[in-house]
Amino acid sequence: MTERFTPWDSVDYLQSDEDIRFYLEACIAEDRGDGELIRAALFDIARIRNANVAAAFFDAYNCSHQRVE
């Protein structure tokens, strides 16, 4: 039997600022440390709003999570 999948896009379910905040917080918490999940979430947020809002989230995240080497 062939499996069938339905396209799913998280953007379809992010309807309020609170939804977006919870989504971004969850992606930050679940990211493996390489930033891939956070970048994907920011891309989704940019699709919902505009690139400036996503850039603001990204800048805020970078400012508070600078790595010390």
PDB file of N, CA and C in Angstrom:
ATOM      1  N   MET A   1       0.844  -1.179   0.000  1.00  0.00           N
ATOM      2  CA  MET A   1       0.000   0.000   0.000  1.00  0.00           C
ATOM      3  C   MET A   1       0.895   1.251   0.000  1.00  0.00           C
ATOM      4  N   THR A   2       0.577   2.190  -0.819  1.00  0.00           N
ATOM      5  CA  THR A   2       1.330   3.433  -0.914  1.00  0.00           C
ATOM      6  C   THR A   2       0.822   4.417   0.128  1.00  0.00           C
ATOM      7  N   GLU A   3       1.779   5.001   0.862  1.00  0.00           N
ATOM      8  CA  GLU A   3       1.390   6.012   1.846  1.00  0.00           C
ATOM      9  C   GLU A   3       1.078   7.313   1.135  1.00  0.00           C
ATOM     10  N   ARG A   4       0.088   8.006   1.635  1.00  0.00           N
ATOM     11  CA  ARG A   4      -0.269   9.305   1.090  1.00  0.00           C
ATOM     12  C   ARG A   4      -0.136  10.342   2.192  1.00  0.00           C
ATOM     13  N   PHE A   5       0.483  11.427   1.837  1.00  0.00           N
ATOM     14  CA  PHE A   5       0.683  12.502   2.791  1.00  0.00           C
ATOM     15  C   PHE A   5      -0.039  13.748   2.306  1.00  0.00           C
ATOM     16  N   THR A   6      -0.539  14.491   3.248  1.00  0.00           N
ATOM     17  CA  THR A   6      -1.186  15.750   2.954  1.00  0.00           C
ATOM     18  C   THR A   6      -0.191  16.871   3.211  1.00  0.00           C
ATOM     19  N   PRO A   7      -0.064  17.806   2.307  1.00  0.00           N
ATOM     20  CA  PRO A   7       0.845  18.934   2.569  1.00  0.00           C
ATOM     21  C   PRO A   7       0.440  19.649   3.864  1.00  0.00           C
ATOM     22  N   TRP A   8       1.433  19.973   4.667  1.00  0.00           N
ATOM     23  CA  TRP A   8       1.172  20.661   5.934  1.00  0.00           C
ATOM     24  C   TRP A   8       2.129  21.826   6.037  1.00  0.00           C
ATOM     25  N   ASP A   9       1.609  22.968   6.391  1.00  0.00           N
ATOM     26  CA  ASP A   9       2.417  24.168   6.533  1.00  0.00           C
ATOM     27  C   ASP A   9       2.046  24.839   7.843  1.00  0.00           C
ATOM     28  N   SER A  10       3.026  25.000   8.722  1.00  0.00           N
ATOM     29  CA  SER A  10       2.750  25.593  10.033  1.00  0.00           C
ATOM     30  C   SER A  10       2.188  27.005   9.909  1.00  0.00           C
ATOM     31  N   VAL A  11       2.534  27.699   8.842  1.00  0.00           N
ATOM     32  CA  VAL A  11       2.039  29.059   8.631  1.00  0.00           C
ATOM     33  C   VAL A  11       0.511  29.098   8.620  1.00  0.00           C
ATOM     34  N   ASP A  12      -0.107  28.042   8.152  1.00  0.00           N
ATOM     35  CA  ASP A  12      -1.568  27.988   8.099  1.00  0.00           C
ATOM     36  C   ASP A  12      -2.198  28.007   9.493  1.00  0.00           C
ATOM     37  N   TYR A  13      -1.410  27.700  10.526  1.00  0.00           N
ATOM     38  CA  TYR A  13      -1.945  27.585  11.877  1.00  0.00           C
ATOM     39  C   TYR A  13      -1.469  28.677  12.817  1.00  0.00           C
ATOM     40  N   LEU A  14      -0.634  29.559  12.339  1.00  0.00           N
ATOM     41  CA  LEU A  14      -0.135  30.665  13.163  1.00  0.00           C
ATOM     42  C   LEU A  14      -0.999  31.888  12.881  1.00  0.00           C
ATOM     43  N   GLN A  15      -1.975  32.109  13.744  1.00  0.00           N
ATOM     44  CA  GLN A  15      -2.979  33.124  13.464  1.00  0.00           C
ATOM     45  C   GLN A  15      -2.879  34.381  14.317  1.00  0.00           C
ATOM     46  N   SER A  16      -2.133  34.316  15.411  1.00  0.00           N
ATOM     47  CA  SER A  16      -2.029  35.487  16.286  1.00  0.00           C
ATOM     48  C   SER A  16      -0.574  35.704  16.678  1.00  0.00           C
ATOM     49  N   ASP A  17      -0.312  36.875  17.259  1.00  0.00           N
ATOM     50  CA  ASP A  17       1.034  37.150  17.751  1.00  0.00           C
ATOM     51  C   ASP A  17       1.440  36.128  18.811  1.00  0.00           C
ATOM     52  N   GLU A  18       0.499  35.724  19.614  1.00  0.00           N
ATOM     53  CA  GLU A  18       0.782  34.729  20.655  1.00  0.00           C
ATOM     54  C   GLU A  18       1.158  33.379  20.023  1.00  0.00           C
ATOM     55  N   ASP A  19       0.441  32.961  18.989  1.00  0.00           N
ATOM     56  CA  ASP A  19       0.781  31.724  18.277  1.00  0.00           C
ATOM     57  C   ASP A  19       2.216  31.786  17.746  1.00  0.00           C
ATOM     58  N   ILE A  20       2.564  32.917  17.161  1.00  0.00           N
ATOM     59  CA  ILE A  20       3.898  33.090  16.592  1.00  0.00           C
ATOM     60  C   ILE A  20       4.956  33.039  17.693  1.00  0.00           C
ATOM     61  N   ARG A  21       4.684  33.699  18.801  1.00  0.00           N
ATOM     62  CA  ARG A  21       5.628  33.703  19.920  1.00  0.00           C
ATOM     63  C   ARG A  21       5.857  32.299  20.442  1.00  0.00           C
ATOM     64  N   PHE A  22       4.769  31.550  20.665  1.00  0.00           N
ATOM     65  CA  PHE A  22       4.893  30.179  21.164  1.00  0.00           C
ATOM     66  C   PHE A  22       5.638  29.286  20.163  1.00  0.00           C
ATOM     67  N   TYR A  23       5.361  29.478  18.894  1.00  0.00           N
ATOM     68  CA  TYR A  23       6.026  28.709  17.838  1.00  0.00           C
ATOM     69  C   TYR A  23       7.530  28.973  17.847  1.00  0.00           C
ATOM     70  N   LEU A  24       7.910  30.254  17.897  1.00  0.00           N
ATOM     71  CA  LEU A  24       9.322  30.603  17.903  1.00  0.00           C
ATOM     72  C   LEU A  24      10.002  30.095  19.172  1.00  0.00           C
ATOM     73  N   GLU A  25       9.351  30.250  20.321  1.00  0.00           N
ATOM     74  CA  GLU A  25       9.923  29.749  21.573  1.00  0.00           C
ATOM     75  C   GLU A  25      10.131  28.241  21.517  1.00  0.00           C
ATOM     76  N   ALA A  26       9.172  27.518  20.954  1.00  0.00           N
ATOM     77  CA  ALA A  26       9.304  26.060  20.842  1.00  0.00           C
ATOM     78  C   ALA A  26      10.445  25.690  19.912  1.00  0.00           C
ATOM     79  N   CYS A  27      10.582  26.414  18.805  1.00  0.00           N
ATOM     80  CA  CYS A  27      11.668  26.125  17.867  1.00  0.00           C
ATOM     81  C   CYS A  27      13.024  26.427  18.496  1.00  0.00           C
ATOM     82  N   ILE A  28      13.129  27.490  19.275  1.00  0.00           N
ATOM     83  CA  ILE A  28      14.380  27.800  19.969  1.00  0.00           C
ATOM     84  C   ILE A  28      14.702  26.694  20.968  1.00  0.00           C
ATOM     85  N   ALA A  29      13.699  26.250  21.708  1.00  0.00           N
ATOM     86  CA  ALA A  29      13.911  25.200  22.715  1.00  0.00           C
ATOM     87  C   ALA A  29      14.297  23.866  22.086  1.00  0.00           C
ATOM     88  N   GLU A  30      13.755  23.557  20.920  1.00  0.00           N
ATOM     89  CA  GLU A  30      13.986  22.255  20.293  1.00  0.00           C
ATOM     90  C   GLU A  30      15.147  22.248  19.299  1.00  0.00           C
ATOM     91  N   ASP A  31      15.721  23.418  19.013  1.00  0.00           N
ATOM     92  CA  ASP A  31      16.826  23.487  18.060  1.00  0.00           C
ATOM     93  C   ASP A  31      18.009  22.669  18.578  1.00  0.00           C
ATOM     94  N   ARG A  32      18.709  21.994  17.665  1.00  0.00           N
ATOM     95  CA  ARG A  32      19.828  21.120  18.032  1.00  0.00           C
ATOM     96  C   ARG A  32      21.118  21.880  18.275  1.00  0.00           C
ATOM     97  N   GLY A  33      21.074  23.183  18.174  1.00  0.00           N
ATOM     98  CA  GLY A  33      22.270  23.981  18.387  1.00  0.00           C
ATOM     99  C   GLY A  33      22.889  24.496  17.107  1.00  0.00           C
ATOM    100  N   ASP A  34      22.373  24.046  15.980  1.00  0.00           N
ATOM    101  CA  ASP A  34      22.917  24.510  14.703  1.00  0.00           C
ATOM    102  C   ASP A  34      22.102  25.658  14.104  1.00  0.00           C
ATOM    103  N   GLY A  35      21.015  26.018  14.736  1.00  0.00           N
ATOM    104  CA  GLY A  35      20.187  27.131  14.282  1.00  0.00           C
ATOM    105  C   GLY A  35      19.253  26.807  13.128  1.00  0.00           C
ATOM    106  N   GLU A  36      19.271  25.570  12.653  1.00  0.00           N
ATOM    107  CA  GLU A  36      18.461  25.213  11.489  1.00  0.00           C
ATOM    108  C   GLU A  36      16.962  25.376  11.760  1.00  0.00           C
ATOM    109  N   LEU A  37      16.512  24.908  12.894  1.00  0.00           N
ATOM    110  CA  LEU A  37      15.084  24.998  13.220  1.00  0.00           C
ATOM    111  C   LEU A  37      14.674  26.449  13.465  1.00  0.00           C
ATOM    112  N   ILE A  38      15.562  27.207  14.080  1.00  0.00           N
ATOM    113  CA  ILE A  38      15.269  28.623  14.321  1.00  0.00           C
ATOM    114  C   ILE A  38      15.174  29.367  12.994  1.00  0.00           C
ATOM    115  N   ARG A  39      16.088  29.098  12.084  1.00  0.00           N
ATOM    116  CA  ARG A  39      16.031  29.739  10.757  1.00  0.00           C
ATOM    117  C   ARG A  39      14.742  29.369  10.026  1.00  0.00           C
ATOM    118  N   ALA A  40      14.327  28.126  10.131  1.00  0.00           N
ATOM    119  CA  ALA A  40      13.084  27.704   9.476  1.00  0.00           C
ATOM    120  C   ALA A  40      11.891  28.443  10.076  1.00  0.00           C
ATOM    121  N   ALA A  41      11.888  28.591  11.402  1.00  0.00           N
ATOM    122  CA  ALA A  41      10.798  29.312  12.060  1.00  0.00           C
ATOM    123  C   ALA A  41      10.786  30.774  11.635  1.00  0.00           C
ATOM    124  N   LEU A  42      11.957  31.392  11.564  1.00  0.00           N
ATOM    125  CA  LEU A  42      12.033  32.785  11.137  1.00  0.00           C
ATOM    126  C   LEU A  42      11.580  32.949   9.688  1.00  0.00           C
ATOM    127  N   PHE A  43      11.889  31.984   8.855  1.00  0.00           N
ATOM    128  CA  PHE A  43      11.407  32.007   7.478  1.00  0.00           C
ATOM    129  C   PHE A  43       9.877  31.943   7.454  1.00  0.00           C
ATOM    130  N   ASP A  44       9.301  31.072   8.274  1.00  0.00           N
ATOM    131  CA  ASP A  44       7.843  30.981   8.356  1.00  0.00           C
ATOM    132  C   ASP A  44       7.241  32.297   8.831  1.00  0.00           C
ATOM    133  N   ILE A  45       7.848  32.893   9.848  1.00  0.00           N
ATOM    134  CA  ILE A  45       7.351  34.163  10.381  1.00  0.00           C
ATOM    135  C   ILE A  45       7.439  35.247   9.312  1.00  0.00           C
ATOM    136  N   ALA A  46       8.533  35.246   8.559  1.00  0.00           N
ATOM    137  CA  ALA A  46       8.680  36.232   7.482  1.00  0.00           C
ATOM    138  C   ALA A  46       7.583  36.070   6.444  1.00  0.00           C
ATOM    139  N   ARG A  47       7.211  34.832   6.175  1.00  0.00           N
ATOM    140  CA  ARG A  47       6.124  34.596   5.218  1.00  0.00           C
ATOM    141  C   ARG A  47       4.807  35.123   5.756  1.00  0.00           C
ATOM    142  N   ILE A  48       4.620  35.092   7.062  1.00  0.00           N
ATOM    143  CA  ILE A  48       3.380  35.590   7.657  1.00  0.00           C
ATOM    144  C   ILE A  48       3.365  37.114   7.660  1.00  0.00           C
ATOM    145  N   ARG A  49       4.423  37.696   8.079  1.00  0.00           N
ATOM    146  CA  ARG A  49       4.505  39.152   8.233  1.00  0.00           C
ATOM    147  C   ARG A  49       5.299  39.750   7.098  1.00  0.00           C
ATOM    148  N   ASN A  50       6.489  40.154   7.439  1.00  0.00           N
ATOM    149  CA  ASN A  50       7.423  40.663   6.430  1.00  0.00           C
ATOM    150  C   ASN A  50       8.833  40.402   6.933  1.00  0.00           C
ATOM    151  N   ALA A  51       9.788  40.581   6.109  1.00  0.00           N
ATOM    152  CA  ALA A  51      11.171  40.240   6.456  1.00  0.00           C
ATOM    153  C   ALA A  51      11.700  41.081   7.613  1.00  0.00           C
ATOM    154  N   ASN A  52      11.199  42.285   7.786  1.00  0.00           N
ATOM    155  CA  ASN A  52      11.697  43.139   8.866  1.00  0.00           C
ATOM    156  C   ASN A  52      11.357  42.576  10.244  1.00  0.00           C
ATOM    157  N   VAL A  53      10.186  41.991  10.393  1.00  0.00           N
ATOM    158  CA  VAL A  53       9.798  41.416  11.674  1.00  0.00           C
ATOM    159  C   VAL A  53      10.685  40.223  11.992  1.00  0.00           C
ATOM    160  N   ALA A  54      10.922  39.366  11.018  1.00  0.00           N
ATOM    161  CA  ALA A  54      11.781  38.204  11.240  1.00  0.00           C
ATOM    162  C   ALA A  54      13.200  38.643  11.568  1.00  0.00           C
ATOM    163  N   ALA A  55      13.681  39.678  10.908  1.00  0.00           N
ATOM    164  CA  ALA A  55      15.027  40.178  11.191  1.00  0.00           C
ATOM    165  C   ALA A  55      15.119  40.684  12.623  1.00  0.00           C
ATOM    166  N   ALA A  56      14.062  41.308  13.113  1.00  0.00           N
ATOM    167  CA  ALA A  56      14.061  41.793  14.491  1.00  0.00           C
ATOM    168  C   ALA A  56      14.135  40.626  15.471  1.00  0.00           C
ATOM    169  N   PHE A  57      13.385  39.552  15.225  1.00  0.00           N
ATOM    170  CA  PHE A  57      13.473  38.371  16.079  1.00  0.00           C
ATOM    171  C   PHE A  57      14.885  37.795  16.035  1.00  0.00           C
ATOM    172  N   PHE A  58      15.456  37.716  14.836  1.00  0.00           N
ATOM    173  CA  PHE A  58      16.784  37.140  14.670  1.00  0.00           C
ATOM    174  C   PHE A  58      17.826  37.980  15.406  1.00  0.00           C
ATOM    175  N   ASP A  59      17.749  39.310  15.267  1.00  0.00           N
ATOM    176  CA  ASP A  59      18.686  40.189  15.964  1.00  0.00           C
ATOM    177  C   ASP A  59      18.550  40.054  17.476  1.00  0.00           C
ATOM    178  N   ALA A  60      17.330  39.998  17.970  1.00  0.00           N
ATOM    179  CA  ALA A  60      17.109  39.854  19.411  1.00  0.00           C
ATOM    180  C   ALA A  60      17.674  38.529  19.899  1.00  0.00           C
ATOM    181  N   TYR A  61      17.484  37.483  19.139  1.00  0.00           N
ATOM    182  CA  TYR A  61      18.004  36.173  19.526  1.00  0.00           C
ATOM    183  C   TYR A  61      19.530  36.194  19.523  1.00  0.00           C
ATOM    184  N   ASN A  62      20.141  36.761  18.501  1.00  0.00           N
ATOM    185  CA  ASN A  62      21.604  36.812  18.416  1.00  0.00           C
ATOM    186  C   ASN A  62      22.205  37.634  19.539  1.00  0.00           C
ATOM    187  N   CYS A  63      21.571  38.734  19.890  1.00  0.00           N
ATOM    188  CA  CYS A  63      22.105  39.592  20.944  1.00  0.00           C
ATOM    189  C   CYS A  63      22.090  38.890  22.293  1.00  0.00           C
ATOM    190  N   SER A  64      21.099  38.070  22.551  1.00  0.00           N
ATOM    191  CA  SER A  64      20.985  37.420  23.853  1.00  0.00           C
ATOM    192  C   SER A  64      21.633  36.040  23.890  1.00  0.00           C
ATOM    193  N   HIS A  65      22.100  35.533  22.767  1.00  0.00           N
ATOM    194  CA  HIS A  65      22.672  34.176  22.724  1.00  0.00           C
ATOM    195  C   HIS A  65      24.047  34.163  22.045  1.00  0.00           C
ATOM    196  N   GLN A  66      24.852  35.170  22.303  1.00  0.00           N
ATOM    197  CA  GLN A  66      26.195  35.194  21.734  1.00  0.00           C
ATOM    198  C   GLN A  66      27.043  34.098  22.360  1.00  0.00           C
ATOM    199  N   ARG A  67      27.763  33.364  21.531  1.00  0.00           N
ATOM    200  CA  ARG A  67      28.638  32.308  22.022  1.00  0.00           C
ATOM    201  C   ARG A  67      29.982  32.899  22.423  1.00  0.00           C
ATOM    202  N   VAL A  68      30.471  32.439  23.544  1.00  0.00           N
ATOM    203  CA  VAL A  68      31.789  32.853  24.005  1.00  0.00           C
ATOM    204  C   VAL A  68      32.750  31.720  23.728  1.00  0.00           C
ATOM    205  N   GLU A  69      33.815  32.030  23.014  1.00  0.00           N
ATOM    206  CA  GLU A  69      34.785  30.981  22.677  1.00  0.00           C
ATOM    207  C   GLU A  69      36.058  31.180  23.431  1.00  0.00           C
TER     208      GLU A  69
END
